[in-house]
Amino acid sequence: MSPTRAWPTGCRHCDLFDPMRSHLHAAFFLGVLSGSAASAAWAAECADDQKPFAALQADERYTIEGPFTVAALEARHMIRIRETGEVVAFGPSHERWNTLKARMLGGDQIFSLAFRVGRSQVDGYALIHAGCVVQFLIRNMD
């Protein structure tokens, strides 16, 4: 699997993406709040390409856990790269995980988010900065 591919069919450890740069992902995962009263209440706090974390917390369709430390997540998600045999955090998405870590500033947090629509579910880790989801690492999409 190429680490630059958006997500392969049926993957379990998919790539990192900025939810607002991928319209399909954004509509599925974070865009469901666009017309809600909760979204309107917090819209002024986040940039146009970000979602307010408080709105996700208020929405019962999301399962949220955390916050998690970088060390805990890396220990939990050590994966062997098939082509090289190297064992790294988040496997094929290691470089993108490093990009997420590099974006972290003091006070930022990482939470696990899961969202289900019908028979489909997306889950992964959200980087939260100043109350806004600024980046998301997909772990699973069914």
C-alpha atoms as a PDB file:
ATOM      1  CA  MET A   1       0.000   0.000   0.000  1.00  0.00           C
ATOM      2  CA  SER A   2       1.360   3.380  -0.950  1.00  0.00           C
ATOM      3  CA  PRO A   3       1.538   5.840   1.964  1.00  0.00           C
ATOM      4  CA  THR A   4       0.327   8.624  -0.324  1.00  0.00           C
ATOM      5  CA  ARG A   5      -2.872   6.863  -1.422  1.00  0.00           C
ATOM      6  CA  ALA A   6      -6.037   8.342   0.097  1.00  0.00           C
ATOM      7  CA  TRP A   7      -7.325   4.948   1.246  1.00  0.00           C
ATOM      8  CA  PRO A   8      -7.279   1.497  -0.290  1.00  0.00           C
ATOM      9  CA  THR A   9     -10.462  -0.545  -0.447  1.00  0.00           C
ATOM     10  CA  GLY A  10     -11.089  -2.333   2.840  1.00  0.00           C
ATOM     11  CA  CYS A  11      -8.012  -0.984   4.635  1.00  0.00           C
ATOM     12  CA  ARG A  12      -7.689  -1.091   8.392  1.00  0.00           C
ATOM     13  CA  HIS A  13      -4.862   1.437   8.841  1.00  0.00           C
ATOM     14  CA  CYS A  14      -5.625   4.142   6.341  1.00  0.00           C
ATOM     15  CA  ASP A  15      -3.881   7.377   5.562  1.00  0.00           C
ATOM     16  CA  LEU A  16      -4.009  10.694   7.262  1.00  0.00           C
ATOM     17  CA  PHE A  17      -6.050  13.396   5.655  1.00  0.00           C
ATOM     18  CA  ASP A  18      -7.219  16.892   6.311  1.00  0.00           C
ATOM     19  CA  PRO A  19     -10.998  16.391   6.448  1.00  0.00           C
ATOM     20  CA  MET A  20     -11.801  19.622   4.660  1.00  0.00           C
ATOM     21  CA  ARG A  21      -9.479  18.879   1.720  1.00  0.00           C
ATOM     22  CA  SER A  22     -11.213  15.626   0.936  1.00  0.00           C
ATOM     23  CA  HIS A  23     -14.820  16.476   0.164  1.00  0.00           C
ATOM     24  CA  LEU A  24     -15.990  12.859   0.272  1.00  0.00           C
ATOM     25  CA  HIS A  25     -14.381  12.241   3.662  1.00  0.00           C
ATOM     26  CA  ALA A  26     -15.540  15.569   5.010  1.00  0.00           C
ATOM     27  CA  ALA A  27     -19.133  14.984   3.959  1.00  0.00           C
ATOM     28  CA  PHE A  28     -19.116  11.506   5.453  1.00  0.00           C
ATOM     29  CA  PHE A  29     -17.255  12.099   8.687  1.00  0.00           C
ATOM     30  CA  LEU A  30     -17.333  15.722   9.777  1.00  0.00           C
ATOM     31  CA  GLY A  31     -19.670  17.435   7.342  1.00  0.00           C
ATOM     32  CA  VAL A  32     -22.838  16.041   8.874  1.00  0.00           C
ATOM     33  CA  LEU A  33     -22.859  18.962  11.307  1.00  0.00           C
ATOM     34  CA  SER A  34     -22.895  21.678   8.663  1.00  0.00           C
ATOM     35  CA  GLY A  35     -26.584  22.482   9.079  1.00  0.00           C
ATOM     36  CA  SER A  36     -26.964  21.795  12.773  1.00  0.00           C
ATOM     37  CA  ALA A  37     -27.604  24.378  15.455  1.00  0.00           C
ATOM     38  CA  ALA A  38     -24.555  23.069  17.316  1.00  0.00           C
ATOM     39  CA  SER A  39     -22.350  23.798  14.328  1.00  0.00           C
ATOM     40  CA  ALA A  40     -23.687  27.332  13.991  1.00  0.00           C
ATOM     41  CA  ALA A  41     -23.129  28.013  17.687  1.00  0.00           C
ATOM     42  CA  TRP A  42     -19.403  27.233  17.491  1.00  0.00           C
ATOM     43  CA  ALA A  43     -18.650  28.237  13.900  1.00  0.00           C
ATOM     44  CA  ALA A  44     -16.985  31.538  14.845  1.00  0.00           C
ATOM     45  CA  GLU A  45     -14.314  29.749  16.897  1.00  0.00           C
ATOM     46  CA  CYS A  46     -12.834  27.631  14.055  1.00  0.00           C
ATOM     47  CA  ALA A  47     -11.462  28.341  10.595  1.00  0.00           C
ATOM     48  CA  ASP A  48     -13.724  27.593   7.636  1.00  0.00           C
ATOM     49  CA  ASP A  49     -11.843  24.350   6.925  1.00  0.00           C
ATOM     50  CA  GLN A  50     -12.141  23.062  10.515  1.00  0.00           C
ATOM     51  CA  LYS A  51     -14.927  21.668  12.675  1.00  0.00           C
ATOM     52  CA  PRO A  52     -15.537  22.669  16.299  1.00  0.00           C
ATOM     53  CA  PHE A  53     -14.711  19.774  18.607  1.00  0.00           C
ATOM     54  CA  ALA A  54     -17.455  20.825  21.058  1.00  0.00           C
ATOM     55  CA  ALA A  55     -20.045  20.295  18.311  1.00  0.00           C
ATOM     56  CA  LEU A  56     -18.809  16.742  17.794  1.00  0.00           C
ATOM     57  CA  GLN A  57     -18.895  16.118  21.534  1.00  0.00           C
ATOM     58  CA  ALA A  58     -22.528  17.296  21.633  1.00  0.00           C
ATOM     59  CA  ASP A  59     -23.549  15.032  18.736  1.00  0.00           C
ATOM     60  CA  GLU A  60     -24.642  11.571  19.932  1.00  0.00           C
ATOM     61  CA  ARG A  61     -23.647  10.001  16.588  1.00  0.00           C
ATOM     62  CA  TYR A  62     -19.969  10.326  17.557  1.00  0.00           C
ATOM     63  CA  THR A  63     -18.105   8.094  19.967  1.00  0.00           C
ATOM     64  CA  ILE A  64     -15.182  10.022  21.445  1.00  0.00           C
ATOM     65  CA  GLU A  65     -12.410   8.757  23.702  1.00  0.00           C
ATOM     66  CA  GLY A  66      -9.283  10.396  25.015  1.00  0.00           C
ATOM     67  CA  PRO A  67      -7.262  12.463  25.103  1.00  0.00           C
ATOM     68  CA  PHE A  68      -4.317  10.202  24.289  1.00  0.00           C
ATOM     69  CA  THR A  69      -0.605  10.898  24.480  1.00  0.00           C
ATOM     70  CA  VAL A  70       1.581  10.505  21.419  1.00  0.00           C
ATOM     71  CA  ALA A  71       3.595   7.833  23.244  1.00  0.00           C
ATOM     72  CA  ALA A  72       0.477   5.802  24.095  1.00  0.00           C
ATOM     73  CA  LEU A  73      -0.806   5.911  20.516  1.00  0.00           C
ATOM     74  CA  GLU A  74       2.554   4.971  19.060  1.00  0.00           C
ATOM     75  CA  ALA A  75       2.873   2.029  21.456  1.00  0.00           C
ATOM     76  CA  ARG A  76      -0.660   0.875  20.557  1.00  0.00           C
ATOM     77  CA  HIS A  77      -0.218   1.133  16.779  1.00  0.00           C
ATOM     78  CA  MET A  78       3.192  -0.361  16.001  1.00  0.00           C
ATOM     79  CA  ILE A  79       2.802  -2.012  12.592  1.00  0.00           C
ATOM     80  CA  ARG A  80       5.252  -3.911  10.394  1.00  0.00           C
ATOM     81  CA  ILE A  81       5.708  -2.521   6.882  1.00  0.00           C
ATOM     82  CA  ARG A  82       5.328  -5.525   4.595  1.00  0.00           C
ATOM     83  CA  GLU A  83       7.794  -4.319   1.956  1.00  0.00           C
ATOM     84  CA  THR A  84      10.645  -3.418   4.331  1.00  0.00           C
ATOM     85  CA  GLY A  85       9.917  -5.420   7.474  1.00  0.00           C
ATOM     86  CA  GLU A  86      10.394  -2.238   9.502  1.00  0.00           C
ATOM     87  CA  VAL A  87       8.077  -1.827  12.514  1.00  0.00           C
ATOM     88  CA  VAL A  88       6.869   1.761  12.916  1.00  0.00           C
ATOM     89  CA  ALA A  89       3.974   3.642  14.490  1.00  0.00           C
ATOM     90  CA  PHE A  90       0.904   3.548  12.220  1.00  0.00           C
ATOM     91  CA  GLY A  91       2.695   1.387   9.638  1.00  0.00           C
ATOM     92  CA  PRO A  92       2.152   2.636   6.064  1.00  0.00           C
ATOM     93  CA  SER A  93       0.771   5.891   7.474  1.00  0.00           C
ATOM     94  CA  HIS A  94       3.923   6.540   9.523  1.00  0.00           C
ATOM     95  CA  GLU A  95       4.995   9.615   7.547  1.00  0.00           C
ATOM     96  CA  ARG A  96       1.538  11.094   7.803  1.00  0.00           C
ATOM     97  CA  TRP A  97       1.469  10.349  11.536  1.00  0.00           C
ATOM     98  CA  ASN A  98       4.746  12.258  11.797  1.00  0.00           C
ATOM     99  CA  THR A  99       3.102  15.156   9.928  1.00  0.00           C
ATOM    100  CA  LEU A 100       0.270  15.197  12.468  1.00  0.00           C
ATOM    101  CA  LYS A 101       2.766  15.178  15.353  1.00  0.00           C
ATOM    102  CA  ALA A 102       4.722  18.026  13.752  1.00  0.00           C
ATOM    103  CA  ARG A 103       1.552  20.154  13.646  1.00  0.00           C
ATOM    104  CA  MET A 104       1.018  19.787  17.398  1.00  0.00           C
ATOM    105  CA  LEU A 105       1.440  22.894  19.502  1.00  0.00           C
ATOM    106  CA  GLY A 106       1.399  23.300  23.271  1.00  0.00           C
ATOM    107  CA  GLY A 107      -2.041  22.454  24.625  1.00  0.00           C
ATOM    108  CA  ASP A 108      -3.119  20.429  21.570  1.00  0.00           C
ATOM    109  CA  GLN A 109      -4.759  17.068  22.204  1.00  0.00           C
ATOM    110  CA  ILE A 110      -5.477  13.873  20.269  1.00  0.00           C
ATOM    111  CA  PHE A 111      -8.837  12.129  20.616  1.00  0.00           C
ATOM    112  CA  SER A 112     -10.276   8.973  19.111  1.00  0.00           C
ATOM    113  CA  LEU A 113     -13.417   9.638  17.048  1.00  0.00           C
ATOM    114  CA  ALA A 114     -15.843   7.142  15.534  1.00  0.00           C
ATOM    115  CA  PHE A 115     -18.903   7.946  13.444  1.00  0.00           C
ATOM    116  CA  ARG A 116     -21.458   5.515  12.024  1.00  0.00           C
ATOM    117  CA  VAL A 117     -23.905   6.112   9.169  1.00  0.00           C
ATOM    118  CA  GLY A 118     -26.081   3.110   8.398  1.00  0.00           C
ATOM    119  CA  ARG A 119     -23.735   0.152   7.936  1.00  0.00           C
ATOM    120  CA  SER A 120     -20.655   2.310   7.375  1.00  0.00           C
ATOM    121  CA  GLN A 121     -18.256   3.516  10.041  1.00  0.00           C
ATOM    122  CA  VAL A 122     -15.157   5.683  10.076  1.00  0.00           C
ATOM    123  CA  ASP A 123     -12.836   5.882  13.052  1.00  0.00           C
ATOM    124  CA  GLY A 124      -9.480   7.416  13.744  1.00  0.00           C
ATOM    125  CA  TYR A 125      -7.632  10.102  15.655  1.00  0.00           C
ATOM    126  CA  ALA A 126      -8.357  13.829  15.583  1.00  0.00           C
ATOM    127  CA  LEU A 127      -5.807  16.522  16.382  1.00  0.00           C
ATOM    128  CA  ILE A 128      -7.584  19.216  18.387  1.00  0.00           C
ATOM    129  CA  HIS A 129      -6.136  22.737  18.504  1.00  0.00           C
ATOM    130  CA  ALA A 130      -7.914  25.547  20.351  1.00  0.00           C
ATOM    131  CA  GLY A 131     -11.141  23.529  20.320  1.00  0.00           C
ATOM    132  CA  CYS A 132     -11.054  22.774  16.578  1.00  0.00           C
ATOM    133  CA  VAL A 133     -10.416  19.551  14.637  1.00  0.00           C
ATOM    134  CA  VAL A 134      -7.424  20.538  12.523  1.00  0.00           C
ATOM    135  CA  GLN A 135      -6.377  17.134  11.184  1.00  0.00           C
ATOM    136  CA  PHE A 136      -7.574  13.529  11.211  1.00  0.00           C
ATOM    137  CA  LEU A 137      -5.829  10.167  10.863  1.00  0.00           C
ATOM    138  CA  ILE A 138      -8.162   7.425   9.614  1.00  0.00           C
ATOM    139  CA  ARG A 139      -7.654   4.056  11.290  1.00  0.00           C
ATOM    140  CA  ASN A 140     -10.589   2.202   9.868  1.00  0.00           C
ATOM    141  CA  MET A 141     -13.315   2.692   7.294  1.00  0.00           C
ATOM    142  CA  ASP A 142     -15.925  -0.006   6.851  1.00  0.00           C
END
